[in-house]
Amino acid sequence: MVAGIAVASLVASPFIGVVVNKLSAELFEKWGLCRSVRSDARRLQSVLETIQNVLDDAEQQPITNKALRDWLTRLKDAALDADDVVDDLLTEALRRRAQDRSRICRTVRDFLSFKNPMLLRHKMVHRIKDTRARLDEIADERNRFHLAEGSVSHGANERETCSAVVESEVYGRDTDKEKVINFLLDVGNEDLSILPIVGLGGIGKTTLAQLVYNDERVMAQFDGRFWVYVSQNFSIIEIIRSILTGVKRIGTELYGNGGTFPSLVQLEIYDMADMEKWSTSPTDETTDAGMLFPCLKMLTARDCPKLEVEPCFPPSVESLVIENCENLLSARSLQGLSKLRSLNFGGYVASPSAFAGLQNLTALELLRIESCDELTCMPQSLMQHNIPSFQSLKLINNSNLKSLGEGKDQQPPSLFTSLCHLEIEASHSLTALPEWIRYLPLQDLEIRGCSQLEGRCQRETGEDWHKIAHIPCITIEST
């Protein structure tokens, strides 16, 4: 269940803007309205634009200014009436164009054109003139309030809100609070409910929303509550991101019971510090992760320290990147990834049980381990697996890595028996290459920024040169 409370000012600018856009001279000329109508429409548009120039400032003034409040109310009413007049004009113009195309009747065809001035004069001209005179009077009164003209950006002066409220200091909002709460609790099974709270600035719209947001009944009703501040210069992407940062679980409440993503190929989950669980099952009754993401190939999760996947990653995934998500990589989560070709994880050392899960990755070709400061030696639980497809190992920026592991009787660990590419970068604690590396079918060796290895791997003279002399392509660079 999802519900929202929208807080906004009772302002005239949206209505003025709508009418100004409708009063396009090009539009009226295109539809053949008579000259007098076009002339009055332009005058009406001009007076609305004059008022529009000061609305930014007017709507930011405090509600305590009663005269300004009454002026804005009158302006809004006049703008609504002007919108009705313009809608009638556009309706008749549309009807005329349709009848002109069908050539039904010459008399009807000339409706509202220069050939039928009497009907136009009686039905429309006076309405436009009356509306314009009313707005002229309202426009003249703007000078009383010394309003600043021009488009004003209030971004620097906006008061960013939060959900916190001291309820003991709020009076007279009990009735309004109960109305909003009753609305939210009675939404039933509707997918989305939005309740706008409108009014001039300073009457307590935000306070009312805060009271509702922190009510115990609301907290018990909804699985998630998110307070998002929306500035005047807002970004839809940033709003969505602000909402998602508070999400703790993604599952059937997002997918819907039985929902699937049949065409999703790439998915990224990142910067969700509070997210704890990601359910890959489309319903509460099934555990088949493949049903939900049948085409998902590339999956990336970054900076989600609490996140766990349940029951496992979608089996269609071929490329998996996990960074700073210490609970995400496990033997259970890797179960069924028979198509996974590339695994990249970093920011932490996976548990031995997680490395044990690599035995399920029968199609794995590339393993990249990056920025694991706690990694001092390649884990035995990882090295013991024999994966014939495994060809490439990249160890990047593991500052405390001291050993690539020990083989048995100088034989390479089972994982490396098919290794063709080895890249080691920025691993300053690695002092030597293992003896068993000479028995690997390596075709490409890259060593960059490993100060202690550089001298040992110098061609012909280095202490470790005999271990790597058989490799066709060797790159050794300092940073």
Protein backbone atom coordinates (compact mmCIF):
# COMPACT_ATOMS: atom_id res chain seq x y z
CA MET A 1 0.00 0.00 0.00
CA VAL A 2 1.35 3.41 -0.99
CA ALA A 3 -0.06 6.76 0.06
CA GLY A 4 1.25 10.27 -0.24
CA ILE A 5 0.59 13.68 1.28
CA ALA A 6 1.39 16.60 -1.00
CA VAL A 7 1.94 20.02 0.60
CA ALA A 8 1.57 23.07 -1.65
CA SER A 9 0.66 26.76 -1.50
CA LEU A 10 -2.68 28.04 -2.72
CA VAL A 11 -1.10 30.12 -5.44
CA ALA A 12 -2.28 31.70 -8.66
CA SER A 13 0.82 31.19 -10.78
CA PRO A 14 -0.14 27.74 -12.14
CA PHE A 15 -3.49 29.06 -13.37
CA ILE A 16 -1.98 32.20 -14.87
CA GLY A 17 0.65 30.13 -16.66
CA VAL A 18 -1.98 27.80 -18.15
CA VAL A 19 -4.05 30.67 -19.55
CA VAL A 20 -0.99 32.46 -20.96
CA ASN A 21 0.03 29.31 -22.81
CA LYS A 22 -3.47 28.89 -24.25
CA LEU A 23 -3.52 32.47 -25.50
CA SER A 24 -1.04 31.78 -28.25
CA ALA A 25 -1.51 34.27 -31.07
CA GLU A 26 -0.28 31.70 -33.56
CA LEU A 27 -2.94 29.28 -32.40
CA PHE A 28 -5.77 31.78 -32.76
CA GLU A 29 -4.61 32.94 -36.19
CA LYS A 30 -4.20 29.36 -37.35
CA TRP A 31 -7.78 28.59 -36.45
CA GLY A 32 -9.13 31.67 -38.21
CA LEU A 33 -10.70 33.68 -35.38
CA CYS A 34 -11.72 37.17 -36.32
CA ARG A 35 -9.38 40.11 -35.86
CA SER A 36 -11.26 41.65 -32.92
CA VAL A 37 -11.08 38.39 -30.98
CA ARG A 38 -7.37 38.04 -31.70
CA SER A 39 -6.77 41.62 -30.58
CA ASP A 40 -8.59 41.20 -27.28
CA ALA A 41 -6.89 37.86 -26.71
CA ARG A 42 -3.50 39.52 -27.09
CA ARG A 43 -4.45 42.25 -24.59
CA LEU A 44 -5.63 39.61 -22.15
CA GLN A 45 -2.38 37.74 -22.60
CA SER A 46 -0.40 40.94 -22.00
CA VAL A 47 -2.09 41.79 -18.70
CA LEU A 48 -1.67 38.21 -17.48
CA GLU A 49 2.03 38.31 -18.29
CA THR A 50 2.33 41.62 -16.39
CA ILE A 51 0.82 39.99 -13.31
CA GLN A 52 2.89 36.86 -13.83
CA ASN A 53 6.07 38.91 -13.51
CA VAL A 54 5.41 39.66 -9.83
CA LEU A 55 3.77 36.40 -8.77
CA ASP A 56 7.03 34.76 -7.66
CA ASP A 57 7.51 37.49 -5.08
CA ALA A 58 3.84 37.72 -4.09
CA GLU A 59 3.52 34.04 -3.33
CA GLN A 60 6.57 34.10 -1.06
CA GLN A 61 5.11 36.78 1.21
CA PRO A 62 3.82 35.70 4.66
CA ILE A 63 0.17 34.92 5.15
CA THR A 64 -0.09 37.65 7.80
CA ASN A 65 -0.38 40.21 5.00
CA LYS A 66 -4.17 40.11 4.71
CA ALA A 67 -4.38 42.60 1.84
CA LEU A 68 -1.96 40.59 -0.25
CA ARG A 69 -3.77 37.39 0.62
CA ASP A 70 -7.08 38.86 -0.58
CA TRP A 71 -5.37 40.12 -3.74
CA LEU A 72 -4.01 36.66 -4.55
CA THR A 73 -7.44 35.11 -3.93
CA ARG A 74 -9.13 37.57 -6.30
CA LEU A 75 -6.40 37.01 -8.86
CA LYS A 76 -6.84 33.26 -8.71
CA ASP A 77 -10.62 33.57 -9.17
CA ALA A 78 -10.14 35.92 -12.13
CA ALA A 79 -7.56 33.59 -13.67
CA LEU A 80 -10.01 30.69 -13.43
CA ASP A 81 -12.72 32.77 -15.13
CA ALA A 82 -10.25 33.77 -17.84
CA ASP A 83 -9.41 30.11 -18.34
CA ASP A 84 -13.12 29.36 -18.86
CA VAL A 85 -13.41 32.11 -21.47
CA VAL A 86 -10.34 30.93 -23.34
CA ASP A 87 -11.57 27.32 -23.25
CA ASP A 88 -14.85 28.43 -24.84
CA LEU A 89 -12.91 30.24 -27.56
CA LEU A 90 -10.76 27.22 -28.28
CA THR A 91 -13.77 24.90 -28.29
CA GLU A 92 -15.55 27.00 -30.90
CA ALA A 93 -12.36 27.28 -32.92
CA LEU A 94 -11.93 23.51 -32.90
CA ARG A 95 -15.55 23.03 -33.92
CA ARG A 96 -15.09 25.50 -36.75
CA ARG A 97 -12.01 23.73 -38.03
CA ALA A 98 -13.76 20.35 -37.95
CA GLN A 99 -16.78 21.72 -39.79
CA ASP A 100 -14.55 23.47 -42.29
CA ARG A 101 -12.92 20.16 -43.14
CA SER A 102 -16.21 18.32 -43.53
CA ARG A 103 -17.81 21.20 -45.48
CA ILE A 104 -21.21 20.46 -43.93
CA CYS A 105 -22.77 23.86 -44.00
CA ARG A 106 -21.53 27.25 -45.19
CA THR A 107 -23.36 29.13 -42.45
CA VAL A 108 -21.99 27.00 -39.65
CA ARG A 109 -18.60 26.99 -41.32
CA ASP A 110 -18.36 30.77 -40.92
CA PHE A 111 -19.08 30.62 -37.20
CA LEU A 112 -16.75 32.94 -35.29
CA SER A 113 -15.08 34.14 -38.50
CA PHE A 114 -14.93 37.71 -39.81
CA LYS A 115 -18.08 36.95 -41.87
CA ASN A 116 -20.21 36.53 -38.73
CA PRO A 117 -19.35 39.54 -36.54
CA MET A 118 -22.70 39.85 -34.74
CA LEU A 119 -22.61 36.40 -33.17
CA LEU A 120 -18.99 36.82 -32.18
CA ARG A 121 -19.63 40.25 -30.68
CA HIS A 122 -22.49 39.08 -28.51
CA LYS A 123 -21.07 35.74 -27.38
CA MET A 124 -17.37 36.32 -26.95
CA VAL A 125 -16.07 39.85 -27.29
CA HIS A 126 -17.88 41.17 -24.23
CA ARG A 127 -16.79 38.24 -22.11
CA ILE A 128 -13.17 38.81 -23.04
CA LYS A 129 -13.41 42.55 -22.43
CA ASP A 130 -15.06 42.06 -19.02
CA THR A 131 -12.42 39.54 -17.99
CA ARG A 132 -9.61 41.80 -19.21
CA ALA A 133 -11.03 44.82 -17.34
CA ARG A 134 -11.24 42.79 -14.17
CA LEU A 135 -7.64 41.66 -14.52
CA ASP A 136 -6.51 45.21 -15.41
CA GLU A 137 -7.90 46.41 -12.10
CA ILE A 138 -6.14 43.60 -10.21
CA ALA A 139 -2.91 44.29 -12.07
CA ASP A 140 -3.01 47.98 -11.13
CA GLU A 141 -3.29 47.06 -7.45
CA ARG A 142 0.00 45.15 -7.52
CA ASN A 143 1.92 48.37 -6.97
CA ARG A 144 0.45 48.64 -3.46
CA PHE A 145 2.55 45.68 -2.33
CA HIS A 146 5.91 46.78 -3.78
CA LEU A 147 6.48 43.41 -5.37
CA ALA A 148 9.72 42.63 -7.18
CA GLU A 149 9.37 41.94 -10.88
CA GLY A 150 11.08 39.24 -12.89
CA SER A 151 11.67 35.55 -12.42
CA VAL A 152 12.99 35.07 -8.90
CA SER A 153 14.93 32.01 -7.81
CA HIS A 154 14.24 31.12 -4.19
CA GLY A 155 16.55 28.18 -3.98
CA ALA A 156 18.98 29.86 -1.60
CA ASN A 157 16.18 31.15 0.67
CA GLU A 158 14.01 28.04 0.79
CA ARG A 159 13.36 26.50 4.16
CA GLU A 160 14.17 22.83 3.85
CA THR A 161 11.78 20.76 5.91
CA CYS A 162 12.15 17.52 7.84
CA SER A 163 9.73 15.10 9.49
CA ALA A 164 10.53 16.11 13.09
CA VAL A 165 7.86 18.00 15.04
CA VAL A 166 7.30 18.94 18.70
CA GLU A 167 3.65 17.97 19.05
CA SER A 168 3.21 19.63 22.44
CA GLU A 169 3.81 23.00 20.79
CA VAL A 170 1.11 22.56 18.14
CA TYR A 171 -2.45 23.72 18.81
CA GLY A 172 -5.68 23.65 16.86
CA ARG A 173 -4.71 20.95 14.34
CA ASP A 174 -6.44 17.93 15.86
CA THR A 175 -9.45 17.98 13.52
CA ASP A 176 -7.38 18.40 10.36
CA LYS A 177 -4.94 15.76 11.54
CA GLU A 178 -7.72 13.22 12.08
CA LYS A 179 -9.19 13.92 8.63
CA VAL A 180 -5.85 13.23 6.93
CA ILE A 181 -5.15 10.13 9.00
CA ASN A 182 -8.63 8.72 8.33
CA PHE A 183 -8.05 9.23 4.61
CA LEU A 184 -4.73 7.39 4.72
CA LEU A 185 -6.10 4.52 6.78
CA ASP A 186 -9.14 4.07 4.53
CA VAL A 187 -7.35 3.83 1.17
CA GLY A 188 -8.02 0.10 1.14
CA ASN A 189 -6.41 -1.86 -1.68
CA GLU A 190 -5.79 1.08 -3.98
CA ASP A 191 -2.31 1.07 -5.49
CA LEU A 192 -1.74 4.78 -4.98
CA SER A 193 -3.45 7.51 -3.00
CA ILE A 194 -2.37 11.13 -2.92
CA LEU A 195 -3.79 13.77 -0.61
CA PRO A 196 -2.72 17.36 -1.35
CA ILE A 197 -2.61 19.85 1.52
CA VAL A 198 -2.95 23.34 0.08
CA GLY A 199 -2.95 26.85 1.48
CA LEU A 200 -0.96 30.05 1.59
CA GLY A 201 2.50 30.07 3.09
CA GLY A 202 2.65 30.08 6.87
CA ILE A 203 -0.70 28.51 7.79
CA GLY A 204 0.86 25.26 8.97
CA LYS A 205 0.70 22.84 6.04
CA THR A 206 4.12 21.38 6.81
CA THR A 207 3.31 21.10 10.53
CA LEU A 208 0.13 19.21 9.72
CA ALA A 209 2.02 16.81 7.48
CA GLN A 210 4.62 16.29 10.22
CA LEU A 211 1.91 15.44 12.77
CA VAL A 212 0.40 12.87 10.41
CA TYR A 213 3.79 11.42 9.44
CA ASN A 214 4.71 10.76 13.09
CA ASP A 215 1.33 9.40 14.22
CA GLU A 216 1.53 5.86 15.59
CA ARG A 217 -1.43 4.69 13.52
CA VAL A 218 0.25 5.79 10.30
CA MET A 219 3.53 4.15 11.29
CA ALA A 220 1.70 0.88 11.98
CA GLN A 221 -0.28 1.01 8.72
CA PHE A 222 2.56 1.47 6.24
CA ASP A 223 5.67 -0.65 5.79
CA GLY A 224 7.67 2.37 4.70
CA ARG A 225 7.41 6.10 5.35
CA PHE A 226 9.59 8.61 3.54
CA TRP A 227 9.84 12.35 4.05
CA VAL A 228 11.16 14.01 0.91
CA TYR A 229 11.79 17.73 0.61
CA VAL A 230 10.99 19.07 -2.86
CA SER A 231 12.55 22.43 -3.72
CA GLN A 232 11.20 24.76 -6.40
CA ASN A 233 14.05 23.77 -8.71
CA PHE A 234 13.59 20.07 -8.25
CA SER A 235 14.88 17.01 -10.05
CA ILE A 236 12.68 13.95 -10.51
CA ILE A 237 15.73 11.70 -10.33
CA GLU A 238 16.85 13.25 -7.03
CA ILE A 239 13.35 12.91 -5.56
CA ILE A 240 13.23 9.22 -6.45
CA ARG A 241 16.74 8.77 -5.08
CA SER A 242 15.73 10.44 -1.80
CA ILE A 243 12.79 8.06 -1.48
CA LEU A 244 14.84 4.99 -2.24
CA THR A 245 17.51 5.82 0.34
CA GLY A 246 15.01 4.98 3.06
CA VAL A 247 13.86 1.66 1.58
CA LYS A 248 14.64 -1.36 3.78
CA ARG A 249 13.17 -4.12 1.64
CA ILE A 250 12.39 -4.74 -2.02
CA GLY A 251 10.05 -7.62 -2.67
CA THR A 252 6.47 -8.42 -3.54
CA GLU A 253 5.30 -5.05 -2.22
CA LEU A 254 7.18 -3.54 -5.19
CA TYR A 255 6.71 -6.26 -7.79
CA GLY A 256 3.11 -7.05 -6.99
CA ASN A 257 2.05 -10.65 -6.46
CA GLY A 258 3.20 -12.53 -9.53
CA GLY A 259 4.87 -9.53 -11.21
CA THR A 260 7.91 -10.06 -13.44
CA PHE A 261 10.48 -8.02 -15.38
CA PRO A 262 10.65 -10.02 -18.63
CA SER A 263 12.86 -7.57 -20.57
CA LEU A 264 15.21 -6.23 -17.87
CA VAL A 265 18.83 -6.87 -18.91
CA GLN A 266 20.84 -4.63 -16.54
CA LEU A 267 20.14 -3.72 -12.90
CA GLU A 268 22.13 -1.47 -10.55
CA ILE A 269 21.51 -1.07 -6.81
CA TYR A 270 23.73 1.45 -5.06
CA ASP A 271 23.96 3.90 -2.13
CA MET A 272 21.13 2.32 -0.15
CA ALA A 273 22.57 2.31 3.35
CA ASP A 274 19.36 1.18 5.06
CA MET A 275 18.26 -1.50 2.61
CA GLU A 276 18.35 -4.89 4.32
CA LYS A 277 16.69 -7.40 2.04
CA TRP A 278 16.11 -7.95 -1.65
CA SER A 279 13.68 -10.70 -2.46
CA THR A 280 14.13 -12.16 -5.93
CA SER A 281 10.96 -14.24 -5.75
CA PRO A 282 7.95 -12.87 -7.63
CA THR A 283 5.52 -14.18 -5.00
CA ASP A 284 5.63 -15.13 -1.37
CA GLU A 285 4.88 -18.75 -2.28
CA THR A 286 7.67 -19.45 -4.77
CA THR A 287 11.46 -19.41 -4.48
CA ASP A 288 12.24 -19.47 -8.20
CA ALA A 289 14.35 -16.34 -8.72
CA GLY A 290 14.47 -17.00 -12.46
CA MET A 291 10.76 -16.28 -12.79
CA LEU A 292 11.18 -12.63 -11.81
CA PHE A 293 14.22 -11.63 -13.90
CA PRO A 294 14.37 -14.11 -16.77
CA CYS A 295 16.62 -11.92 -18.98
CA LEU A 296 18.81 -10.17 -16.40
CA LYS A 297 22.45 -10.37 -17.54
CA MET A 298 24.33 -7.63 -15.66
CA LEU A 299 23.84 -6.98 -11.94
CA THR A 300 25.71 -4.36 -9.88
CA ALA A 301 25.36 -3.63 -6.16
CA ARG A 302 27.45 -0.90 -4.50
CA ASP A 303 27.53 0.61 -1.01
CA CYS A 304 24.64 -1.35 0.47
CA PRO A 305 26.29 -2.62 3.69
CA LYS A 306 23.18 -4.27 5.17
CA LEU A 307 21.78 -5.78 2.01
CA GLU A 308 21.08 -9.51 1.71
CA VAL A 309 19.49 -11.30 -1.22
CA GLU A 310 16.78 -13.88 -0.66
CA PRO A 311 16.85 -16.63 -1.70
CA CYS A 312 19.60 -16.10 -4.34
CA PHE A 313 20.67 -14.04 -7.33
CA PRO A 314 18.63 -14.54 -10.52
CA PRO A 315 20.19 -17.51 -12.37
CA SER A 316 20.29 -15.63 -15.68
CA VAL A 317 23.02 -13.23 -14.43
CA GLU A 318 26.27 -13.41 -16.41
CA SER A 319 28.15 -10.44 -14.89
CA LEU A 320 28.05 -9.67 -11.15
CA VAL A 321 29.67 -6.66 -9.43
CA ILE A 322 29.51 -6.38 -5.63
CA GLU A 323 31.28 -3.51 -3.85
CA ASN A 324 30.96 -2.64 -0.15
CA CYS A 325 28.04 -5.02 0.32
CA GLU A 326 29.52 -7.37 2.90
CA ASN A 327 26.36 -9.44 3.43
CA LEU A 328 25.49 -9.95 -0.21
CA LEU A 329 28.05 -12.55 -1.27
CA SER A 330 27.37 -15.97 0.24
CA ALA A 331 27.20 -19.60 -0.76
CA ARG A 332 23.41 -19.37 -0.79
CA SER A 333 23.26 -16.20 -2.89
CA LEU A 334 25.60 -17.73 -5.50
CA GLN A 335 23.58 -20.90 -5.76
CA GLY A 336 22.33 -21.57 -9.25
CA LEU A 337 24.51 -19.03 -11.08
CA SER A 338 25.49 -21.53 -13.73
CA LYS A 339 25.71 -18.81 -16.40
CA LEU A 340 27.90 -16.37 -14.43
CA ARG A 341 31.04 -15.54 -16.42
CA SER A 342 32.39 -12.50 -14.55
CA LEU A 343 32.53 -11.84 -10.78
CA ASN A 344 33.88 -8.56 -9.39
CA PHE A 345 33.80 -7.86 -5.67
CA GLY A 346 35.59 -5.40 -3.45
CA GLY A 347 35.65 -3.31 -0.32
CA TYR A 348 35.64 -6.26 2.07
CA VAL A 349 36.84 -9.83 2.44
CA ALA A 350 34.13 -12.36 1.74
CA SER A 351 33.56 -15.07 4.30
CA PRO A 352 35.02 -18.57 3.73
CA SER A 353 31.50 -19.87 3.15
CA ALA A 354 31.03 -17.30 0.38
CA PHE A 355 34.18 -18.48 -1.37
CA ALA A 356 32.93 -22.02 -0.98
CA GLY A 357 29.95 -21.01 -3.09
CA LEU A 358 32.23 -20.43 -6.07
CA GLN A 359 32.14 -24.12 -6.80
CA ASN A 360 28.64 -23.50 -8.21
CA LEU A 361 30.00 -21.04 -10.77
CA THR A 362 30.74 -23.60 -13.44
CA ALA A 363 30.92 -21.00 -16.24
CA LEU A 364 33.13 -18.47 -14.41
CA GLU A 365 35.87 -16.96 -16.61
CA LEU A 366 36.93 -13.77 -14.79
CA LEU A 367 37.40 -12.99 -11.09
CA ARG A 368 38.32 -9.47 -9.97
CA ILE A 369 39.07 -8.68 -6.31
CA GLU A 370 39.56 -4.98 -5.59
CA SER A 371 40.25 -2.74 -2.58
CA CYS A 372 40.02 -5.46 0.05
CA ASP A 373 42.32 -4.04 2.72
CA GLU A 374 41.81 -7.04 4.99
CA LEU A 375 42.91 -9.52 2.34
CA THR A 376 46.42 -10.78 3.22
CA CYS A 377 46.39 -14.10 1.39
CA MET A 378 44.27 -15.67 -1.30
CA PRO A 379 41.74 -17.79 0.65
CA GLN A 380 42.21 -21.54 0.59
CA SER A 381 38.46 -22.00 0.32
CA LEU A 382 38.65 -20.16 -3.00
CA MET A 383 41.79 -21.78 -4.38
CA GLN A 384 40.65 -25.37 -3.97
CA HIS A 385 37.90 -25.23 -6.59
CA ASN A 386 38.51 -26.61 -10.05
CA ILE A 387 36.64 -24.48 -12.58
CA PRO A 388 37.84 -25.42 -16.09
CA SER A 389 36.38 -22.23 -17.65
CA PHE A 390 38.28 -19.91 -15.27
CA GLN A 391 40.91 -17.98 -17.28
CA SER A 392 41.45 -14.50 -15.80
CA LEU A 393 42.34 -13.19 -12.31
CA LYS A 394 42.65 -9.47 -11.47
CA LEU A 395 43.90 -8.34 -8.06
CA ILE A 396 43.58 -4.56 -7.85
CA ASN A 397 44.55 -2.23 -4.98
CA ASN A 398 44.70 -4.87 -2.26
CA SER A 399 47.27 -3.02 -0.15
CA ASN A 400 47.81 -5.75 2.46
CA LEU A 401 47.96 -8.75 0.14
CA LYS A 402 51.19 -10.63 0.93
CA SER A 403 50.75 -14.03 -0.74
CA LEU A 404 48.91 -15.58 -3.67
CA GLY A 405 48.64 -18.80 -1.70
CA GLU A 406 50.55 -22.02 -1.51
CA GLY A 407 50.27 -24.90 -3.92
CA LYS A 408 50.70 -28.57 -3.06
CA ASP A 409 54.17 -29.91 -3.96
CA GLN A 410 54.74 -26.73 -5.93
CA GLN A 411 51.71 -27.50 -8.08
CA PRO A 412 49.25 -24.67 -8.82
CA PRO A 413 46.04 -24.50 -6.80
CA SER A 414 43.09 -26.16 -8.51
CA LEU A 415 41.44 -22.87 -9.37
CA PHE A 416 44.40 -21.70 -11.46
CA THR A 417 45.07 -24.75 -13.61
CA SER A 418 43.50 -23.05 -16.66
CA LEU A 419 44.58 -19.48 -15.86
CA CYS A 420 45.67 -17.51 -18.95
CA HIS A 421 45.67 -13.91 -17.70
CA LEU A 422 46.94 -12.57 -14.36
CA GLU A 423 46.86 -8.88 -13.43
CA ILE A 424 48.23 -7.53 -10.15
CA GLU A 425 48.01 -3.79 -9.46
CA ALA A 426 48.81 -1.55 -6.46
CA SER A 427 49.52 -4.45 -4.10
CA HIS A 428 52.59 -3.06 -2.34
CA SER A 429 52.79 -5.76 0.34
CA LEU A 430 53.20 -8.58 -2.16
CA THR A 431 56.90 -9.42 -1.91
CA ALA A 432 57.28 -12.38 -4.29
CA LEU A 433 55.48 -14.57 -6.78
CA PRO A 434 54.84 -18.19 -5.79
CA GLU A 435 56.96 -20.96 -7.27
CA TRP A 436 53.96 -22.70 -8.78
CA ILE A 437 53.30 -19.79 -11.14
CA ARG A 438 55.90 -21.27 -13.53
CA TYR A 439 53.54 -24.20 -14.15
CA LEU A 440 50.56 -22.09 -15.17
CA PRO A 441 49.49 -21.83 -18.84
CA LEU A 442 49.69 -18.02 -18.58
CA GLN A 443 49.67 -16.04 -21.82
CA ASP A 444 49.55 -12.58 -20.30
CA LEU A 445 51.00 -11.19 -17.03
CA GLU A 446 50.52 -7.55 -15.94
CA ILE A 447 52.15 -6.11 -12.82
CA ARG A 448 51.55 -2.41 -12.09
CA GLY A 449 52.39 -0.35 -9.06
CA CYS A 450 53.78 -3.27 -7.02
CA SER A 451 57.07 -1.80 -5.80
CA GLN A 452 58.50 -5.01 -4.33
CA LEU A 453 57.70 -7.13 -7.38
CA GLU A 454 59.15 -4.77 -9.95
CA GLY A 455 62.78 -5.57 -9.20
CA ARG A 456 62.17 -9.29 -8.69
CA CYS A 457 60.53 -9.61 -12.09
CA GLN A 458 63.19 -7.78 -14.12
CA ARG A 459 64.02 -9.62 -17.33
CA GLU A 460 66.93 -12.06 -16.92
CA THR A 461 68.18 -10.54 -13.65
CA GLY A 462 65.18 -10.58 -11.32
CA GLU A 463 64.87 -13.23 -8.60
CA ASP A 464 61.43 -14.23 -9.87
CA TRP A 465 62.25 -14.06 -13.57
CA HIS A 466 62.64 -17.82 -13.92
CA LYS A 467 59.05 -18.21 -12.70
CA ILE A 468 57.59 -16.06 -15.46
CA ALA A 469 60.06 -16.40 -18.34
CA HIS A 470 57.72 -18.78 -20.20
CA ILE A 471 54.89 -16.19 -20.42
CA PRO A 472 54.61 -14.71 -23.95
CA CYS A 473 53.37 -11.26 -22.91
CA ILE A 474 54.69 -9.58 -19.76
CA THR A 475 53.97 -6.00 -18.69
CA ILE A 476 55.69 -4.52 -15.62
CA GLU A 477 55.07 -0.86 -14.83
CA SER A 478 55.60 1.40 -11.84
CA THR A 479 53.05 4.01 -10.84
